[in-house]
PDB file of N, CA and C in Angstrom:
ATOM      1  N   MET A   1     -94.893-172.517  67.382  1.00  0.00           N
ATOM      2  CA  MET A   1     -93.876-172.241  66.394  1.00  0.00           C
ATOM      3  C   MET A   1     -94.568-171.867  65.091  1.00  0.00           C
ATOM      4  N   ASN A   2     -94.047-170.838  64.434  1.00  0.00           N
ATOM      5  CA  ASN A   2     -94.585-170.368  63.166  1.00  0.00           C
ATOM      6  C   ASN A   2     -93.416-170.169  62.202  1.00  0.00           C
ATOM      7  N   ILE A   3     -93.513-170.735  61.018  1.00  0.00           N
ATOM      8  CA  ILE A   3     -92.488-170.572  59.984  1.00  0.00           C
ATOM      9  C   ILE A   3     -93.099-169.743  58.873  1.00  0.00           C
ATOM     10  N   ARG A   4     -92.386-168.673  58.486  1.00  0.00           N
ATOM     11  CA  ARG A   4     -92.937-167.748  57.485  1.00  0.00           C
ATOM     12  C   ARG A   4     -91.794-167.037  56.772  1.00  0.00           C
ATOM     13  N   ASP A   5     -92.147-166.361  55.667  1.00  0.00           N
ATOM     14  CA  ASP A   5     -91.187-165.516  54.969  1.00  0.00           C
ATOM     15  C   ASP A   5     -90.854-164.308  55.842  1.00  0.00           C
ATOM     16  N   ALA A   6     -89.595-163.904  55.796  1.00  0.00           N
ATOM     17  CA  ALA A   6     -89.163-162.735  56.558  1.00  0.00           C
ATOM     18  C   ALA A   6     -89.794-161.470  55.995  1.00  0.00           C
ATOM     19  N   ARG A   7     -89.972-160.502  56.876  1.00  0.00           N
ATOM     20  CA  ARG A   7     -90.466-159.178  56.504  1.00  0.00           C
ATOM     21  C   ARG A   7     -89.395-158.154  56.854  1.00  0.00           C
ATOM     22  N   GLN A   8     -89.519-156.982  56.292  1.00  0.00           N
ATOM     23  CA  GLN A   8     -88.554-155.917  56.578  1.00  0.00           C
ATOM     24  C   GLN A   8     -88.468-155.616  58.072  1.00  0.00           C
ATOM     25  N   ASP A   9     -89.579-155.713  58.773  1.00  0.00           N
ATOM     26  CA  ASP A   9     -89.549-155.401  60.205  1.00  0.00           C
ATOM     27  C   ASP A   9     -88.908-156.502  61.052  1.00  0.00           C
ATOM     28  N   ASP A  10     -88.453-157.582  60.407  1.00  0.00           N
ATOM     29  CA  ASP A  10     -87.700-158.625  61.108  1.00  0.00           C
ATOM     30  C   ASP A  10     -86.214-158.289  61.234  1.00  0.00           C
ATOM     31  N   ALA A  11     -85.763-157.257  60.548  1.00  0.00           N
ATOM     32  CA  ALA A  11     -84.336-156.928  60.529  1.00  0.00           C
ATOM     33  C   ALA A  11     -83.717-156.834  61.924  1.00  0.00           C
ATOM     34  N   PRO A  12     -84.341-156.158  62.898  1.00  0.00           N
ATOM     35  CA  PRO A  12     -83.715-156.087  64.222  1.00  0.00           C
ATOM     36  C   PRO A  12     -83.472-157.464  64.856  1.00  0.00           C
ATOM     37  N   ALA A  13     -84.369-158.401  64.613  1.00  0.00           N
ATOM     38  CA  ALA A  13     -84.218-159.748  65.171  1.00  0.00           C
ATOM     39  C   ALA A  13     -83.153-160.553  64.440  1.00  0.00           C
ATOM     40  N   LEU A  14     -82.885-160.218  63.176  1.00  0.00           N
ATOM     41  CA  LEU A  14     -81.885-160.952  62.404  1.00  0.00           C
ATOM     42  C   LEU A  14     -80.460-160.536  62.765  1.00  0.00           C
ATOM     43  N   VAL A  15     -80.289-159.317  63.267  1.00  0.00           N
ATOM     44  CA  VAL A  15     -78.941-158.806  63.588  1.00  0.00           C
ATOM     45  C   VAL A  15     -78.209-159.718  64.575  1.00  0.00           C
ATOM     46  N   PRO A  16     -78.777-160.055  65.738  1.00  0.00           N
ATOM     47  CA  PRO A  16     -78.032-160.936  66.652  1.00  0.00           C
ATOM     48  C   PRO A  16     -77.858-162.355  66.119  1.00  0.00           C
ATOM     49  N   LEU A  17     -78.794-162.811  65.302  1.00  0.00           N
ATOM     50  CA  LEU A  17     -78.644-164.146  64.705  1.00  0.00           C
ATOM     51  C   LEU A  17     -77.483-164.169  63.722  1.00  0.00           C
ATOM     52  N   LEU A  18     -77.338-163.115  62.933  1.00  0.00           N
ATOM     53  CA  LEU A  18     -76.186-163.016  62.027  1.00  0.00           C
ATOM     54  C   LEU A  18     -74.888-162.974  62.821  1.00  0.00           C
ATOM     55  N   ALA A  19     -74.886-162.290  63.939  1.00  0.00           N
ATOM     56  CA  ALA A  19     -73.682-162.235  64.785  1.00  0.00           C
ATOM     57  C   ALA A  19     -73.306-163.629  65.279  1.00  0.00           C
ATOM     58  N   GLU A  20     -74.295-164.456  65.572  1.00  0.00           N
ATOM     59  CA  GLU A  20     -74.010-165.832  65.997  1.00  0.00           C
ATOM     60  C   GLU A  20     -73.336-166.630  64.893  1.00  0.00           C
ATOM     61  N   LEU A  21     -73.593-166.265  63.647  1.00  0.00           N
ATOM     62  CA  LEU A  21     -72.921-166.917  62.516  1.00  0.00           C
ATOM     63  C   LEU A  21     -71.526-166.354  62.274  1.00  0.00           C
ATOM     64  N   GLY A  22     -71.180-165.285  62.999  1.00  0.00           N
ATOM     65  CA  GLY A  22     -69.880-164.653  62.816  1.00  0.00           C
ATOM     66  C   GLY A  22     -69.909-163.481  61.860  1.00  0.00           C
ATOM     67  N   TYR A  23     -71.094-162.957  61.581  1.00  0.00           N
ATOM     68  CA  TYR A  23     -71.254-161.834  60.675  1.00  0.00           C
ATOM     69  C   TYR A  23     -71.905-160.663  61.402  1.00  0.00           C
ATOM     70  N   PRO A  24     -71.113-159.883  62.147  1.00  0.00           N
ATOM     71  CA  PRO A  24     -71.711-158.729  62.825  1.00  0.00           C
ATOM     72  C   PRO A  24     -72.354-157.796  61.800  1.00  0.00           C
ATOM     73  N   ALA A  25     -73.513-157.278  62.134  1.00  0.00           N
ATOM     74  CA  ALA A  25     -74.250-156.432  61.194  1.00  0.00           C
ATOM     75  C   ALA A  25     -75.012-155.369  61.969  1.00  0.00           C
ATOM     76  N   VAL A  26     -75.409-154.349  61.259  1.00  0.00           N
ATOM     77  CA  VAL A  26     -76.257-153.312  61.837  1.00  0.00           C
ATOM     78  C   VAL A  26     -77.623-153.397  61.157  1.00  0.00           C
ATOM     79  N   GLU A  27     -78.626-152.939  61.863  1.00  0.00           N
ATOM     80  CA  GLU A  27     -79.998-153.072  61.384  1.00  0.00           C
ATOM     81  C   GLU A  27     -80.221-152.472  60.004  1.00  0.00           C
ATOM     82  N   GLU A  28     -79.669-151.297  59.752  1.00  0.00           N
ATOM     83  CA  GLU A  28     -79.875-150.643  58.454  1.00  0.00           C
ATOM     84  C   GLU A  28     -79.336-151.496  57.308  1.00  0.00           C
ATOM     85  N   ALA A  29     -78.168-152.090  57.527  1.00  0.00           N
ATOM     86  CA  ALA A  29     -77.577-152.938  56.485  1.00  0.00           C
ATOM     87  C   ALA A  29     -78.419-154.196  56.272  1.00  0.00           C
ATOM     88  N   VAL A  30     -78.906-154.786  57.352  1.00  0.00           N
ATOM     89  CA  VAL A  30     -79.722-155.997  57.229  1.00  0.00           C
ATOM     90  C   VAL A  30     -81.017-155.686  56.489  1.00  0.00           C
ATOM     91  N   THR A  31     -81.614-154.548  56.775  1.00  0.00           N
ATOM     92  CA  THR A  31     -82.835-154.146  56.070  1.00  0.00           C
ATOM     93  C   THR A  31     -82.587-154.048  54.574  1.00  0.00           C
ATOM     94  N   THR A  32     -81.488-153.409  54.200  1.00  0.00           N
ATOM     95  CA  THR A  32     -81.137-153.262  52.781  1.00  0.00           C
ATOM     96  C   THR A  32     -80.841-154.609  52.146  1.00  0.00           C
ATOM     97  N   LEU A  33     -80.045-155.436  52.822  1.00  0.00           N
ATOM     98  CA  LEU A  33     -79.678-156.742  52.269  1.00  0.00           C
ATOM     99  C   LEU A  33     -80.877-157.677  52.180  1.00  0.00           C
ATOM    100  N   LEU A  34     -81.767-157.597  53.148  1.00  0.00           N
ATOM    101  CA  LEU A  34     -82.977-158.421  53.107  1.00  0.00           C
ATOM    102  C   LEU A  34     -83.785-158.111  51.855  1.00  0.00           C
ATOM    103  N   ARG A  35     -83.931-156.847  51.562  1.00  0.00           N
ATOM    104  CA  ARG A  35     -84.652-156.444  50.348  1.00  0.00           C
ATOM    105  C   ARG A  35     -83.902-156.911  49.092  1.00  0.00           C
ATOM    106  N   SER A  36     -82.585-156.734  49.059  1.00  0.00           N
ATOM    107  CA  SER A  36     -81.793-157.115  47.883  1.00  0.00           C
ATOM    108  C   SER A  36     -81.857-158.613  47.622  1.00  0.00           C
ATOM    109  N   VAL A  37     -81.703-159.395  48.674  1.00  0.00           N
ATOM    110  CA  VAL A  37     -81.703-160.851  48.526  1.00  0.00           C
ATOM    111  C   VAL A  37     -83.056-161.347  48.023  1.00  0.00           C
ATOM    112  N   THR A  38     -84.126-160.824  48.606  1.00  0.00           N
ATOM    113  CA  THR A  38     -85.449-161.280  48.170  1.00  0.00           C
ATOM    114  C   THR A  38     -85.810-160.732  46.792  1.00  0.00           C
ATOM    115  N   ASP A  39     -85.379-159.525  46.475  1.00  0.00           N
ATOM    116  CA  ASP A  39     -85.610-158.988  45.128  1.00  0.00           C
ATOM    117  C   ASP A  39     -84.894-159.823  44.076  1.00  0.00           C
ATOM    118  N   ASP A  40     -83.805-160.477  44.476  1.00  0.00           N
ATOM    119  CA  ASP A  40     -83.028-161.313  43.564  1.00  0.00           C
ATOM    120  C   ASP A  40     -83.604-162.727  43.443  1.00  0.00           C
ATOM    121  N   GLY A  41     -84.685-163.007  44.159  1.00  0.00           N
ATOM    122  CA  GLY A  41     -85.367-164.287  44.010  1.00  0.00           C
ATOM    123  C   GLY A  41     -85.163-165.276  45.138  1.00  0.00           C
ATOM    124  N   ALA A  42     -84.331-164.956  46.110  1.00  0.00           N
ATOM    125  CA  ALA A  42     -84.134-165.868  47.239  1.00  0.00           C
ATOM    126  C   ALA A  42     -85.283-165.710  48.224  1.00  0.00           C
ATOM    127  N   ARG A  43     -85.428-166.695  49.089  1.00  0.00           N
ATOM    128  CA  ARG A  43     -86.401-166.607  50.184  1.00  0.00           C
ATOM    129  C   ARG A  43     -85.648-166.584  51.495  1.00  0.00           C
ATOM    130  N   VAL A  44     -86.028-165.661  52.335  1.00  0.00           N
ATOM    131  CA  VAL A  44     -85.525-165.630  53.700  1.00  0.00           C
ATOM    132  C   VAL A  44     -86.694-166.088  54.564  1.00  0.00           C
ATOM    133  N   ILE A  45     -86.487-167.190  55.250  1.00  0.00           N
ATOM    134  CA  ILE A  45     -87.542-167.819  56.033  1.00  0.00           C
ATOM    135  C   ILE A  45     -87.162-167.705  57.507  1.00  0.00           C
ATOM    136  N   VAL A  46     -88.104-167.263  58.327  1.00  0.00           N
ATOM    137  CA  VAL A  46     -87.843-167.156  59.761  1.00  0.00           C
ATOM    138  C   VAL A  46     -88.722-168.134  60.522  1.00  0.00           C
ATOM    139  N   VAL A  47     -88.255-168.497  61.706  1.00  0.00           N
ATOM    140  CA  VAL A  47     -89.068-169.288  62.623  1.00  0.00           C
ATOM    141  C   VAL A  47     -89.342-168.419  63.849  1.00  0.00           C
ATOM    142  N   GLU A  48     -90.607-168.333  64.180  1.00  0.00           N
ATOM    143  CA  GLU A  48     -91.040-167.574  65.358  1.00  0.00           C
ATOM    144  C   GLU A  48     -91.447-168.541  66.463  1.00  0.00           C
ATOM    145  N   VAL A  49     -91.054-168.209  67.673  1.00  0.00           N
ATOM    146  CA  VAL A  49     -91.491-168.950  68.854  1.00  0.00           C
ATOM    147  C   VAL A  49     -91.944-167.907  69.870  1.00  0.00           C
ATOM    148  N   ASP A  50     -93.128-168.055  70.362  1.00  0.00           N
ATOM    149  CA  ASP A  50     -93.695-167.104  71.325  1.00  0.00           C
ATOM    150  C   ASP A  50     -93.603-165.662  70.825  1.00  0.00           C
ATOM    151  N   GLY A  51     -93.854-165.464  69.537  1.00  0.00           N
ATOM    152  CA  GLY A  51     -93.891-164.131  68.951  1.00  0.00           C
ATOM    153  C   GLY A  51     -92.559-163.522  68.604  1.00  0.00           C
ATOM    154  N   GLY A  52     -91.451-164.220  68.862  1.00  0.00           N
ATOM    155  CA  GLY A  52     -90.133-163.679  68.533  1.00  0.00           C
ATOM    156  C   GLY A  52     -89.411-164.536  67.516  1.00  0.00           C
ATOM    157  N   VAL A  53     -88.626-163.900  66.652  1.00  0.00           N
ATOM    158  CA  VAL A  53     -87.844-164.622  65.644  1.00  0.00           C
ATOM    159  C   VAL A  53     -86.681-165.313  66.349  1.00  0.00           C
ATOM    160  N   ARG A  54     -86.592-166.633  66.196  1.00  0.00           N
ATOM    161  CA  ARG A  54     -85.567-167.429  66.877  1.00  0.00           C
ATOM    162  C   ARG A  54     -84.551-168.045  65.920  1.00  0.00           C
ATOM    163  N   GLY A  55     -84.824-167.950  64.618  1.00  0.00           N
ATOM    164  CA  GLY A  55     -83.903-168.509  63.645  1.00  0.00           C
ATOM    165  C   GLY A  55     -84.310-168.105  62.248  1.00  0.00           C
ATOM    166  N   PHE A  56     -83.404-168.355  61.295  1.00  0.00           N
ATOM    167  CA  PHE A  56     -83.736-168.057  59.903  1.00  0.00           C
ATOM    168  C   PHE A  56     -82.913-168.908  58.964  1.00  0.00           C
ATOM    169  N   ALA A  57     -83.381-168.987  57.730  1.00  0.00           N
ATOM    170  CA  ALA A  57     -82.667-169.654  56.642  1.00  0.00           C
ATOM    171  C   ALA A  57     -82.809-168.795  55.396  1.00  0.00           C
ATOM    172  N   VAL A  58     -81.777-168.833  54.560  1.00  0.00           N
ATOM    173  CA  VAL A  58     -81.824-168.156  53.265  1.00  0.00           C
ATOM    174  C   VAL A  58     -81.715-169.241  52.196  1.00  0.00           C
ATOM    175  N   VAL A  59     -82.716-169.307  51.329  1.00  0.00           N
ATOM    176  CA  VAL A  59     -82.797-170.364  50.324  1.00  0.00           C
ATOM    177  C   VAL A  59     -82.854-169.743  48.934  1.00  0.00           C
ATOM    178  N   HIS A  60     -81.976-170.227  48.055  1.00  0.00           N
ATOM    179  CA  HIS A  60     -81.921-169.763  46.666  1.00  0.00           C
ATOM    180  C   HIS A  60     -82.355-170.907  45.758  1.00  0.00           C
ATOM    181  N   ARG A  61     -83.128-170.601  44.760  1.00  0.00           N
ATOM    182  CA  ARG A  61     -83.537-171.576  43.746  1.00  0.00           C
ATOM    183  C   ARG A  61     -82.534-171.499  42.607  1.00  0.00           C
ATOM    184  N   MET A  62     -82.020-172.658  42.190  1.00  0.00           N
ATOM    185  CA  MET A  62     -81.001-172.671  41.143  1.00  0.00           C
ATOM    186  C   MET A  62     -81.332-173.706  40.068  1.00  0.00           C
ATOM    187  N   LEU A  63     -80.957-173.380  38.863  1.00  0.00           N
ATOM    188  CA  LEU A  63     -81.002-174.341  37.765  1.00  0.00           C
ATOM    189  C   LEU A  63     -79.580-174.852  37.550  1.00  0.00           C
ATOM    190  N   THR A  64     -79.455-176.143  37.311  1.00  0.00           N
ATOM    191  CA  THR A  64     -78.132-176.736  37.122  1.00  0.00           C
ATOM    192  C   THR A  64     -78.116-177.608  35.871  1.00  0.00           C
ATOM    193  N   LEU A  65     -76.936-177.945  35.444  1.00  0.00           N
ATOM    194  CA  LEU A  65     -76.799-178.841  34.288  1.00  0.00           C
ATOM    195  C   LEU A  65     -77.012-180.305  34.659  1.00  0.00           C
ATOM    196  N   HIS A  66     -76.825-180.646  35.913  1.00  0.00           N
ATOM    197  CA  HIS A  66     -76.891-182.055  36.304  1.00  0.00           C
ATOM    198  C   HIS A  66     -78.255-182.486  36.854  1.00  0.00           C
ATOM    199  N   ARG A  67     -79.218-181.593  36.917  1.00  0.00           N
ATOM    200  CA  ARG A  67     -80.564-181.939  37.370  1.00  0.00           C
ATOM    201  C   ARG A  67     -81.579-181.378  36.378  1.00  0.00           C
ATOM    202  N   SER A  68     -82.664-182.111  36.182  1.00  0.00           N
ATOM    203  CA  SER A  68     -83.686-181.638  35.246  1.00  0.00           C
ATOM    204  C   SER A  68     -84.687-180.696  35.914  1.00  0.00           C
ATOM    205  N   ALA A  69     -84.646-180.616  37.221  1.00  0.00           N
ATOM    206  CA  ALA A  69     -85.545-179.724  37.959  1.00  0.00           C
ATOM    207  C   ALA A  69     -84.695-178.758  38.789  1.00  0.00           C
ATOM    208  N   PRO A  70     -85.251-177.633  39.165  1.00  0.00           N
ATOM    209  CA  PRO A  70     -84.502-176.690  40.007  1.00  0.00           C
ATOM    210  C   PRO A  70     -84.081-177.340  41.330  1.00  0.00           C
ATOM    211  N   VAL A  71     -83.000-176.838  41.890  1.00  0.00           N
ATOM    212  CA  VAL A  71     -82.526-177.287  43.194  1.00  0.00           C
ATOM    213  C   VAL A  71     -82.479-176.085  44.136  1.00  0.00           C
ATOM    214  N   ALA A  72     -82.400-176.360  45.409  1.00  0.00           N
ATOM    215  CA  ALA A  72     -82.309-175.296  46.410  1.00  0.00           C
ATOM    216  C   ALA A  72     -80.882-175.235  46.938  1.00  0.00           C
ATOM    217  N   TYR A  73     -80.412-174.027  47.148  1.00  0.00           N
ATOM    218  CA  TYR A  73     -79.103-173.779  47.736  1.00  0.00           C
ATOM    219  C   TYR A  73     -79.340-173.024  49.032  1.00  0.00           C
ATOM    220  N   LEU A  74     -78.900-173.575  50.123  1.00  0.00           N
ATOM    221  CA  LEU A  74     -79.067-172.972  51.440  1.00  0.00           C
ATOM    222  C   LEU A  74     -77.807-172.168  51.755  1.00  0.00           C
ATOM    223  N   SER A  75     -77.930-170.838  51.759  1.00  0.00           N
ATOM    224  CA  SER A  75     -76.738-170.011  51.963  1.00  0.00           C
ATOM    225  C   SER A  75     -76.557-169.570  53.413  1.00  0.00           C
ATOM    226  N   ALA A  76     -77.591-169.718  54.228  1.00  0.00           N
ATOM    227  CA  ALA A  76     -77.470-169.397  55.653  1.00  0.00           C
ATOM    228  C   ALA A  76     -78.534-170.163  56.426  1.00  0.00           C
ATOM    229  N   LEU A  77     -78.147-170.618  57.606  1.00  0.00           N
ATOM    230  CA  LEU A  77     -79.078-171.301  58.503  1.00  0.00           C
ATOM    231  C   LEU A  77     -78.594-171.061  59.924  1.00  0.00           C
ATOM    232  N   VAL A  78     -79.440-170.513  60.749  1.00  0.00           N
ATOM    233  CA  VAL A  78     -79.068-170.286  62.147  1.00  0.00           C
ATOM    234  C   VAL A  78     -80.303-170.392  63.033  1.00  0.00           C
ATOM    235  N   VAL A  79     -80.101-171.015  64.184  1.00  0.00           N
ATOM    236  CA  VAL A  79     -81.089-171.030  65.257  1.00  0.00           C
ATOM    237  C   VAL A  79     -80.400-170.409  66.456  1.00  0.00           C
ATOM    238  N   GLY A  80     -81.027-169.446  67.061  1.00  0.00           N
ATOM    239  CA  GLY A  80     -80.424-168.717  68.170  1.00  0.00           C
ATOM    240  C   GLY A  80     -80.057-169.612  69.336  1.00  0.00           C
ATOM    241  N   ARG A  81     -79.007-169.248  70.045  1.00  0.00           N
ATOM    242  CA  ARG A  81     -78.547-170.022  71.208  1.00  0.00           C
ATOM    243  C   ARG A  81     -79.626-170.142  72.281  1.00  0.00           C
ATOM    244  N   GLU A  82     -80.443-169.131  72.402  1.00  0.00           N
ATOM    245  CA  GLU A  82     -81.474-169.097  73.428  1.00  0.00           C
ATOM    246  C   GLU A  82     -82.701-169.915  73.070  1.00  0.00           C
ATOM    247  N   SER A  83     -82.727-170.516  71.888  1.00  0.00           N
ATOM    248  CA  SER A  83     -83.930-171.211  71.427  1.00  0.00           C
ATOM    249  C   SER A  83     -84.001-172.638  71.876  1.00  0.00           C
TER     250      SER A  83
END
C-alpha cells in the first residue's frame, strides 16, 4: 500500500471512485477539477494497492475562530468496492 498526493494522470482512476460516491464524472472534468482543487490549496490524497489507485480523500486546511491552529476539513473520502 502506498499513500501519496494525487497526480493529473490519476484522473482515470478517480472517475469510477467518484461514481461510487454518487457523482458520475468524465475524465476531462476530473482532470480540470483536480487541478482547480489543488491550486486552491486542498490536497487530494490517493491510496495505491498493487500499483492501482483504490481510494482517495480530499483534505482542505481551514482557519477558524474557535481554534488557535488550522483544522482539516475532509470533503471527500472513498475506498473502492473492489478494495
